């Protein structure tokens, strides 16, 4: 795998992230659904790949823009790929489920999503940068809209149903 910003996968990831960000502004329910699906799908994909072909994750060492991330990938990560990635996958699954929930659990899921997405941004092209920042921004927008919805549900619902 090479860090090609013109690859179809890279362009699709950024296009979808931009669509989620736009949906977060204009159609929060759609954005929430998409963000939840992205996290749940990533959880299963990453866990499957970590069990089946863990060495593929080493490519991120060549793609990262961060010397600290590179050192971690070629150090502790190399010897524990499956355990680390499956642990991350479990967190992604929980985050996706939380985003699909309501109330405090939803807010925790959106905060976890934003933190995770910003944390993987230094992986550069390996995380389809800047898609991670677009999705983190969408999560933050949804977090504020969720607070608004819980404070004033009727005016928001009636305004968006008409």
N, C-alpha and C. Protein backbone atom coordinates (compact mmCIF):
# COMPACT_ATOMS: atom_id res chain seq x y z
N UNK A 1 0.85 -1.18 0.00
CA UNK A 1 0.00 0.00 0.00
C UNK A 1 0.89 1.23 0.00
N UNK A 2 0.61 2.15 -0.87
CA UNK A 2 1.37 3.39 -0.95
C UNK A 2 0.48 4.55 -0.55
N UNK A 3 1.10 5.61 -0.10
CA UNK A 3 0.36 6.79 0.32
C UNK A 3 0.06 7.64 -0.90
N UNK A 4 -0.91 7.24 -1.67
CA UNK A 4 -1.28 7.94 -2.88
C UNK A 4 -2.59 8.69 -2.65
N UNK A 5 -2.48 10.03 -2.60
CA UNK A 5 -3.68 10.81 -2.32
C UNK A 5 -4.64 10.88 -3.50
N UNK A 6 -4.25 10.29 -4.62
CA UNK A 6 -5.14 10.26 -5.77
C UNK A 6 -5.73 8.87 -6.00
N UNK A 7 -5.53 7.96 -5.04
CA UNK A 7 -6.11 6.64 -5.17
C UNK A 7 -7.62 6.74 -4.96
N UNK A 8 -8.33 5.81 -5.52
CA UNK A 8 -9.79 5.81 -5.40
C UNK A 8 -10.22 5.70 -3.93
N UNK A 9 -9.55 4.86 -3.17
CA UNK A 9 -9.89 4.68 -1.76
C UNK A 9 -9.73 5.99 -0.99
N UNK A 10 -8.63 6.67 -1.22
CA UNK A 10 -8.36 7.94 -0.53
C UNK A 10 -9.41 8.98 -0.91
N UNK A 11 -9.72 9.09 -2.19
CA UNK A 11 -10.70 10.08 -2.65
C UNK A 11 -12.11 9.76 -2.13
N UNK A 12 -12.47 8.48 -2.12
CA UNK A 12 -13.78 8.09 -1.60
C UNK A 12 -13.88 8.40 -0.10
N UNK A 13 -12.84 8.06 0.64
CA UNK A 13 -12.85 8.32 2.09
C UNK A 13 -13.03 9.81 2.37
N UNK A 14 -12.34 10.65 1.64
CA UNK A 14 -12.48 12.09 1.85
C UNK A 14 -13.81 12.61 1.35
N UNK A 15 -14.33 12.05 0.26
CA UNK A 15 -15.65 12.44 -0.23
C UNK A 15 -16.75 12.08 0.74
N UNK A 16 -16.68 10.87 1.29
CA UNK A 16 -17.67 10.44 2.27
C UNK A 16 -17.57 11.30 3.53
N UNK A 17 -16.35 11.60 3.96
CA UNK A 17 -16.17 12.43 5.16
C UNK A 17 -16.75 13.82 4.95
N UNK A 18 -16.54 14.38 3.78
CA UNK A 18 -17.11 15.70 3.47
C UNK A 18 -18.64 15.63 3.47
N UNK A 19 -19.19 14.54 2.92
CA UNK A 19 -20.64 14.37 2.91
C UNK A 19 -21.19 14.25 4.34
N UNK A 20 -20.48 13.55 5.21
CA UNK A 20 -20.91 13.42 6.61
C UNK A 20 -20.87 14.78 7.29
N UNK A 21 -19.83 15.56 7.01
CA UNK A 21 -19.73 16.90 7.60
C UNK A 21 -20.89 17.79 7.14
N UNK A 22 -21.20 17.76 5.87
CA UNK A 22 -22.33 18.55 5.35
C UNK A 22 -23.64 18.06 5.96
N UNK A 23 -23.78 16.73 6.08
CA UNK A 23 -24.98 16.17 6.69
C UNK A 23 -25.09 16.58 8.16
N UNK A 24 -23.97 16.67 8.85
CA UNK A 24 -23.99 17.08 10.27
C UNK A 24 -24.58 18.48 10.40
N UNK A 25 -24.35 19.31 9.42
CA UNK A 25 -24.86 20.68 9.46
C UNK A 25 -26.35 20.72 9.11
N UNK A 26 -26.72 20.00 8.05
CA UNK A 26 -28.09 20.12 7.53
C UNK A 26 -29.02 18.95 7.88
N UNK A 27 -28.48 17.78 8.09
CA UNK A 27 -29.27 16.57 8.38
C UNK A 27 -28.56 15.75 9.47
N UNK A 28 -28.61 16.22 10.72
CA UNK A 28 -27.88 15.56 11.80
C UNK A 28 -28.20 14.08 11.99
N UNK A 29 -29.44 13.68 11.78
CA UNK A 29 -29.80 12.27 11.96
C UNK A 29 -29.08 11.39 10.93
N UNK A 30 -28.98 11.87 9.71
CA UNK A 30 -28.27 11.14 8.66
C UNK A 30 -26.79 11.06 9.00
N UNK A 31 -26.21 12.15 9.45
CA UNK A 31 -24.80 12.18 9.81
C UNK A 31 -24.51 11.22 10.96
N UNK A 32 -25.39 11.21 11.95
CA UNK A 32 -25.23 10.29 13.08
C UNK A 32 -25.24 8.85 12.62
N UNK A 33 -26.19 8.52 11.75
CA UNK A 33 -26.28 7.17 11.21
C UNK A 33 -24.99 6.81 10.46
N UNK A 34 -24.54 7.70 9.58
CA UNK A 34 -23.33 7.43 8.80
C UNK A 34 -22.10 7.30 9.69
N UNK A 35 -21.97 8.17 10.67
CA UNK A 35 -20.82 8.11 11.58
C UNK A 35 -20.84 6.81 12.37
N UNK A 36 -22.02 6.40 12.80
CA UNK A 36 -22.15 5.14 13.53
C UNK A 36 -21.74 3.96 12.63
N UNK A 37 -22.23 3.95 11.41
CA UNK A 37 -21.91 2.88 10.46
C UNK A 37 -20.40 2.86 10.16
N UNK A 38 -19.80 4.02 10.00
CA UNK A 38 -18.36 4.10 9.74
C UNK A 38 -17.58 3.47 10.88
N UNK A 39 -17.92 3.81 12.11
CA UNK A 39 -17.19 3.27 13.26
C UNK A 39 -17.43 1.77 13.42
N UNK A 40 -18.65 1.33 13.27
CA UNK A 40 -18.94 -0.10 13.41
C UNK A 40 -18.28 -0.89 12.28
N UNK A 41 -18.37 -0.37 11.06
CA UNK A 41 -17.73 -1.04 9.93
C UNK A 41 -16.22 -1.11 10.08
N UNK A 42 -15.61 -0.01 10.52
CA UNK A 42 -14.17 0.02 10.74
C UNK A 42 -13.76 -0.97 11.82
N UNK A 43 -14.59 -1.11 12.84
CA UNK A 43 -14.28 -2.04 13.93
C UNK A 43 -14.18 -3.47 13.40
N UNK A 44 -15.17 -3.88 12.64
CA UNK A 44 -15.15 -5.25 12.10
C UNK A 44 -14.03 -5.45 11.09
N UNK A 45 -13.82 -4.47 10.22
CA UNK A 45 -12.76 -4.58 9.22
C UNK A 45 -11.39 -4.66 9.89
N UNK A 46 -11.13 -3.76 10.82
CA UNK A 46 -9.82 -3.74 11.48
C UNK A 46 -9.58 -5.01 12.30
N UNK A 47 -10.58 -5.48 13.01
CA UNK A 47 -10.42 -6.71 13.79
C UNK A 47 -10.14 -7.90 12.87
N UNK A 48 -10.89 -7.99 11.79
CA UNK A 48 -10.69 -9.08 10.82
C UNK A 48 -9.27 -9.04 10.25
N UNK A 49 -8.85 -7.86 9.83
CA UNK A 49 -7.51 -7.73 9.24
C UNK A 49 -6.41 -7.97 10.28
N UNK A 50 -6.62 -7.54 11.51
CA UNK A 50 -5.62 -7.73 12.56
C UNK A 50 -5.43 -9.20 12.89
N UNK A 51 -6.49 -9.97 12.77
CA UNK A 51 -6.40 -11.40 13.04
C UNK A 51 -5.85 -12.15 11.83
N UNK A 52 -6.30 -11.74 10.65
CA UNK A 52 -5.92 -12.46 9.43
C UNK A 52 -4.54 -12.08 8.91
N UNK A 53 -4.25 -10.78 8.80
CA UNK A 53 -2.97 -10.32 8.25
C UNK A 53 -2.45 -9.12 9.03
N UNK A 54 -2.02 -9.32 10.26
CA UNK A 54 -1.61 -8.20 11.11
C UNK A 54 -0.43 -7.40 10.56
N UNK A 55 0.45 -8.03 9.81
CA UNK A 55 1.62 -7.32 9.29
C UNK A 55 1.26 -6.20 8.33
N UNK A 56 0.07 -6.22 7.76
CA UNK A 56 -0.36 -5.14 6.87
C UNK A 56 -0.43 -3.80 7.59
N UNK A 57 -0.64 -3.82 8.90
CA UNK A 57 -0.74 -2.57 9.66
C UNK A 57 0.61 -1.86 9.80
N UNK A 58 1.70 -2.54 9.50
CA UNK A 58 3.02 -1.93 9.60
C UNK A 58 3.23 -0.84 8.54
N UNK A 59 2.44 -0.84 7.50
CA UNK A 59 2.56 0.17 6.44
C UNK A 59 2.34 1.58 6.99
N UNK A 60 1.60 1.68 8.09
CA UNK A 60 1.33 3.00 8.67
C UNK A 60 2.59 3.68 9.16
N UNK A 61 3.61 2.91 9.47
CA UNK A 61 4.88 3.49 9.88
C UNK A 61 5.52 4.33 8.79
N UNK A 62 5.35 3.91 7.54
CA UNK A 62 5.90 4.68 6.41
C UNK A 62 5.04 5.89 6.05
N UNK A 63 3.78 5.86 6.45
CA UNK A 63 2.86 6.93 6.04
C UNK A 63 2.68 8.02 7.07
N UNK A 64 3.04 7.77 8.31
CA UNK A 64 2.78 8.74 9.35
C UNK A 64 3.61 10.00 9.18
N UNK A 65 3.03 11.10 9.59
CA UNK A 65 3.73 12.39 9.57
C UNK A 65 4.37 12.68 10.92
N UNK A 66 4.23 11.77 11.86
CA UNK A 66 4.70 11.99 13.23
C UNK A 66 5.84 11.04 13.59
N UNK A 67 7.00 11.58 13.95
CA UNK A 67 8.11 10.72 14.40
C UNK A 67 7.72 9.87 15.62
N UNK A 68 6.93 10.42 16.51
CA UNK A 68 6.50 9.67 17.70
C UNK A 68 5.63 8.47 17.29
N UNK A 69 4.71 8.67 16.35
CA UNK A 69 3.87 7.57 15.88
C UNK A 69 4.72 6.54 15.16
N UNK A 70 5.67 6.99 14.35
CA UNK A 70 6.55 6.08 13.63
C UNK A 70 7.35 5.22 14.61
N UNK A 71 7.88 5.84 15.64
CA UNK A 71 8.64 5.11 16.65
C UNK A 71 7.75 4.07 17.35
N UNK A 72 6.53 4.45 17.67
CA UNK A 72 5.60 3.51 18.31
C UNK A 72 5.28 2.35 17.38
N UNK A 73 5.00 2.64 16.12
CA UNK A 73 4.63 1.59 15.16
C UNK A 73 5.77 0.60 14.98
N UNK A 74 6.99 1.10 14.84
CA UNK A 74 8.13 0.20 14.64
C UNK A 74 8.66 -0.36 15.95
N UNK A 75 8.11 0.06 17.05
CA UNK A 75 8.52 -0.44 18.37
C UNK A 75 7.49 -1.37 18.95
N UNK A 76 6.78 -0.91 19.97
CA UNK A 76 5.84 -1.73 20.72
C UNK A 76 4.71 -2.29 19.85
N UNK A 77 4.25 -1.52 18.90
CA UNK A 77 3.14 -1.95 18.04
C UNK A 77 3.51 -3.19 17.23
N UNK A 78 4.72 -3.22 16.68
CA UNK A 78 5.15 -4.32 15.81
C UNK A 78 5.03 -5.69 16.51
N UNK A 79 5.30 -5.72 17.79
CA UNK A 79 5.28 -6.98 18.53
C UNK A 79 3.90 -7.32 19.09
N UNK A 80 2.95 -6.42 18.97
CA UNK A 80 1.62 -6.63 19.57
C UNK A 80 0.50 -6.16 18.65
N UNK A 81 0.67 -6.29 17.35
CA UNK A 81 -0.29 -5.74 16.38
C UNK A 81 -1.70 -6.24 16.64
N UNK A 82 -1.88 -7.54 16.70
CA UNK A 82 -3.24 -8.09 16.83
C UNK A 82 -3.91 -7.61 18.11
N UNK A 83 -3.21 -7.68 19.22
CA UNK A 83 -3.80 -7.27 20.50
C UNK A 83 -4.17 -5.79 20.49
N UNK A 84 -3.28 -4.95 19.97
CA UNK A 84 -3.54 -3.51 19.95
C UNK A 84 -4.69 -3.17 19.01
N UNK A 85 -4.66 -3.72 17.80
CA UNK A 85 -5.69 -3.37 16.81
C UNK A 85 -7.05 -3.93 17.22
N UNK A 86 -7.10 -5.14 17.78
CA UNK A 86 -8.38 -5.68 18.23
C UNK A 86 -8.92 -4.84 19.39
N UNK A 87 -8.04 -4.37 20.27
CA UNK A 87 -8.47 -3.47 21.35
C UNK A 87 -9.05 -2.17 20.79
N UNK A 88 -8.38 -1.61 19.81
CA UNK A 88 -8.88 -0.40 19.15
C UNK A 88 -10.22 -0.70 18.48
N UNK A 89 -10.33 -1.86 17.85
CA UNK A 89 -11.58 -2.25 17.18
C UNK A 89 -12.75 -2.33 18.16
N UNK A 90 -12.49 -2.86 19.33
CA UNK A 90 -13.54 -2.92 20.36
C UNK A 90 -13.98 -1.51 20.73
N UNK A 91 -13.02 -0.61 20.88
CA UNK A 91 -13.36 0.80 21.19
C UNK A 91 -14.14 1.43 20.04
N UNK A 92 -13.77 1.11 18.79
CA UNK A 92 -14.50 1.64 17.64
C UNK A 92 -15.93 1.11 17.63
N UNK A 93 -16.10 -0.17 17.94
CA UNK A 93 -17.44 -0.76 17.98
C UNK A 93 -18.30 -0.10 19.05
N UNK A 94 -17.74 0.08 20.23
CA UNK A 94 -18.47 0.72 21.32
C UNK A 94 -18.81 2.17 20.94
N UNK A 95 -17.87 2.86 20.32
CA UNK A 95 -18.12 4.25 19.89
C UNK A 95 -19.27 4.29 18.89
N UNK A 96 -19.25 3.39 17.91
CA UNK A 96 -20.33 3.35 16.92
C UNK A 96 -21.68 3.06 17.53
N UNK A 97 -21.72 2.14 18.47
CA UNK A 97 -22.97 1.81 19.17
C UNK A 97 -23.43 3.01 20.00
N UNK A 98 -22.50 3.67 20.69
CA UNK A 98 -22.86 4.84 21.49
C UNK A 98 -23.41 5.96 20.62
N UNK A 99 -22.84 6.16 19.43
CA UNK A 99 -23.32 7.21 18.53
C UNK A 99 -24.76 6.93 18.09
N UNK A 100 -25.12 5.66 18.03
CA UNK A 100 -26.49 5.29 17.65
C UNK A 100 -27.46 5.40 18.81
N UNK A 101 -26.95 5.63 20.02
CA UNK A 101 -27.80 5.70 21.23
C UNK A 101 -28.37 7.11 21.40
N UNK A 102 -28.84 7.39 22.59
CA UNK A 102 -29.40 8.71 22.92
C UNK A 102 -28.80 9.22 24.21
N UNK A 103 -29.01 10.49 24.47
CA UNK A 103 -28.65 11.09 25.75
C UNK A 103 -27.16 11.14 26.02
N UNK A 104 -26.82 10.85 27.26
CA UNK A 104 -25.43 10.92 27.71
C UNK A 104 -24.54 9.94 26.95
N UNK A 105 -25.07 8.76 26.66
CA UNK A 105 -24.29 7.75 25.93
C UNK A 105 -23.94 8.28 24.53
N UNK A 106 -24.89 8.90 23.86
CA UNK A 106 -24.64 9.51 22.56
C UNK A 106 -23.54 10.55 22.66
N UNK A 107 -23.64 11.43 23.64
CA UNK A 107 -22.62 12.47 23.80
C UNK A 107 -21.24 11.87 24.05
N UNK A 108 -21.17 10.83 24.87
CA UNK A 108 -19.89 10.15 25.12
C UNK A 108 -19.34 9.54 23.83
N UNK A 109 -20.21 8.97 23.02
CA UNK A 109 -19.80 8.39 21.74
C UNK A 109 -19.24 9.44 20.79
N UNK A 110 -19.90 10.59 20.74
CA UNK A 110 -19.43 11.66 19.85
C UNK A 110 -18.09 12.24 20.33
N UNK A 111 -17.93 12.36 21.63
CA UNK A 111 -16.66 12.84 22.18
C UNK A 111 -15.56 11.81 21.88
N UNK A 112 -15.85 10.54 22.09
CA UNK A 112 -14.87 9.48 21.81
C UNK A 112 -14.50 9.48 20.32
N UNK A 113 -15.49 9.67 19.46
CA UNK A 113 -15.23 9.70 18.02
C UNK A 113 -14.30 10.86 17.67
N UNK A 114 -14.61 12.04 18.17
CA UNK A 114 -13.78 13.21 17.86
C UNK A 114 -12.35 13.02 18.36
N UNK A 115 -12.20 12.54 19.58
CA UNK A 115 -10.85 12.33 20.14
C UNK A 115 -10.09 11.29 19.32
N UNK A 116 -10.73 10.18 19.02
CA UNK A 116 -10.09 9.12 18.23
C UNK A 116 -9.67 9.63 16.85
N UNK A 117 -10.57 10.33 16.19
CA UNK A 117 -10.28 10.80 14.83
C UNK A 117 -9.14 11.82 14.80
N UNK A 118 -9.09 12.70 15.78
CA UNK A 118 -7.97 13.64 15.87
C UNK A 118 -6.68 12.88 16.20
N UNK A 119 -6.78 11.86 17.04
CA UNK A 119 -5.59 11.09 17.43
C UNK A 119 -4.98 10.32 16.28
N UNK A 120 -5.79 9.87 15.32
CA UNK A 120 -5.22 9.13 14.19
C UNK A 120 -4.84 10.03 13.02
N UNK A 121 -5.17 11.30 13.09
CA UNK A 121 -4.81 12.23 12.01
C UNK A 121 -3.32 12.23 11.68
N UNK A 122 -2.41 12.14 12.67
CA UNK A 122 -0.98 12.11 12.34
C UNK A 122 -0.55 10.91 11.51
N UNK A 123 -1.41 9.92 11.32
CA UNK A 123 -1.07 8.81 10.43
C UNK A 123 -1.03 9.27 8.98
N UNK A 124 -1.43 10.50 8.73
CA UNK A 124 -1.34 11.08 7.38
C UNK A 124 -2.22 10.35 6.39
N UNK A 125 -1.63 10.00 5.26
CA UNK A 125 -2.38 9.32 4.22
C UNK A 125 -2.92 7.98 4.70
N UNK A 126 -2.29 7.38 5.71
CA UNK A 126 -2.77 6.12 6.27
C UNK A 126 -4.14 6.24 6.91
N UNK A 127 -4.48 7.44 7.35
CA UNK A 127 -5.81 7.67 7.91
C UNK A 127 -6.67 8.49 6.94
N UNK A 128 -6.22 8.56 5.69
CA UNK A 128 -6.90 9.33 4.64
C UNK A 128 -7.04 10.80 5.03
N UNK A 129 -6.02 11.32 5.72
CA UNK A 129 -6.01 12.73 6.11
C UNK A 129 -6.33 13.59 4.90
N UNK A 130 -7.22 14.55 4.99
CA UNK A 130 -7.84 15.16 6.16
C UNK A 130 -9.21 14.61 6.53
N UNK A 131 -9.56 13.43 6.01
CA UNK A 131 -10.90 12.89 6.29
C UNK A 131 -11.15 12.73 7.79
N UNK A 132 -10.12 12.39 8.55
CA UNK A 132 -10.30 12.23 9.99
C UNK A 132 -10.71 13.55 10.64
N UNK A 133 -10.12 14.64 10.18
CA UNK A 133 -10.48 15.94 10.76
C UNK A 133 -11.87 16.38 10.31
N UNK A 134 -12.26 16.03 9.09
CA UNK A 134 -13.62 16.34 8.63
C UNK A 134 -14.64 15.58 9.49
N UNK A 135 -14.36 14.29 9.75
CA UNK A 135 -15.28 13.49 10.57
C UNK A 135 -15.28 13.96 12.02
N UNK A 136 -14.12 14.35 12.54
CA UNK A 136 -14.05 14.87 13.91
C UNK A 136 -14.88 16.15 14.02
N UNK A 137 -14.78 17.00 13.02
CA UNK A 137 -15.58 18.22 13.00
C UNK A 137 -17.07 17.90 12.97
N UNK A 138 -17.43 16.90 12.16
CA UNK A 138 -18.84 16.48 12.11
C UNK A 138 -19.30 15.98 13.47
N UNK A 139 -18.46 15.21 14.15
CA UNK A 139 -18.82 14.70 15.49
C UNK A 139 -19.02 15.85 16.47
N UNK A 140 -18.15 16.85 16.39
CA UNK A 140 -18.28 18.01 17.29
C UNK A 140 -19.55 18.79 16.98
N UNK A 141 -19.85 18.97 15.71
CA UNK A 141 -21.10 19.66 15.33
C UNK A 141 -22.29 18.88 15.87
N UNK A 142 -22.27 17.56 15.70
CA UNK A 142 -23.37 16.74 16.21
C UNK A 142 -23.47 16.81 17.73
N UNK A 143 -22.34 16.91 18.38
CA UNK A 143 -22.33 17.04 19.84
C UNK A 143 -23.07 18.31 20.27
N UNK A 144 -22.80 19.42 19.59
CA UNK A 144 -23.49 20.67 19.92
C UNK A 144 -24.95 20.62 19.51
N UNK A 145 -25.25 20.00 18.39
CA UNK A 145 -26.65 19.88 17.98
C UNK A 145 -27.41 18.95 18.92
N UNK A 146 -26.76 17.94 19.43
CA UNK A 146 -27.38 17.03 20.38
C UNK A 146 -27.74 17.77 21.65
N UNK A 147 -26.84 18.64 22.11
CA UNK A 147 -27.13 19.44 23.30
C UNK A 147 -28.32 20.34 23.04
N UNK A 148 -28.38 20.93 21.85
CA UNK A 148 -29.50 21.79 21.49
C UNK A 148 -30.80 20.98 21.44
N UNK A 149 -30.72 19.80 20.84
CA UNK A 149 -31.92 18.96 20.73
C UNK A 149 -32.46 18.56 22.09
N UNK A 150 -31.58 18.22 23.01
CA UNK A 150 -32.06 17.79 24.32
C UNK A 150 -32.61 18.96 25.12
N UNK A 151 -32.13 20.18 24.82
CA UNK A 151 -32.61 21.35 25.55
C UNK A 151 -33.92 21.87 24.96
N UNK A 152 -34.05 21.79 23.63
CA UNK A 152 -35.22 22.34 22.94
C UNK A 152 -35.71 21.37 21.86
N UNK A 153 -36.23 20.23 22.23
CA UNK A 153 -36.57 19.26 21.21
C UNK A 153 -37.75 19.65 20.31
N UNK A 154 -38.78 20.25 20.86
CA UNK A 154 -39.96 20.52 20.05
C UNK A 154 -39.74 21.58 18.97
N UNK A 155 -39.15 22.74 19.26
CA UNK A 155 -38.95 23.71 18.20
C UNK A 155 -38.04 23.15 17.09
N UNK A 156 -37.02 22.42 17.46
CA UNK A 156 -36.12 21.86 16.45
C UNK A 156 -36.84 20.84 15.57
N UNK A 157 -37.58 19.94 16.19
CA UNK A 157 -38.28 18.90 15.44
C UNK A 157 -39.33 19.52 14.53
N UNK A 158 -40.13 20.44 15.05
CA UNK A 158 -41.19 21.02 14.21
C UNK A 158 -40.60 21.84 13.07
N UNK A 159 -39.47 22.49 13.31
CA UNK A 159 -38.84 23.29 12.26
C UNK A 159 -38.28 22.40 11.16
N UNK A 160 -37.80 21.21 11.50
CA UNK A 160 -37.17 20.33 10.52
C UNK A 160 -38.12 19.33 9.89
N UNK A 161 -39.32 19.21 10.42
CA UNK A 161 -40.30 18.32 9.81
C UNK A 161 -41.13 19.02 8.75
N UNK A 162 -41.15 20.33 8.78
CA UNK A 162 -41.99 21.03 7.80
C UNK A 162 -41.25 21.30 6.53
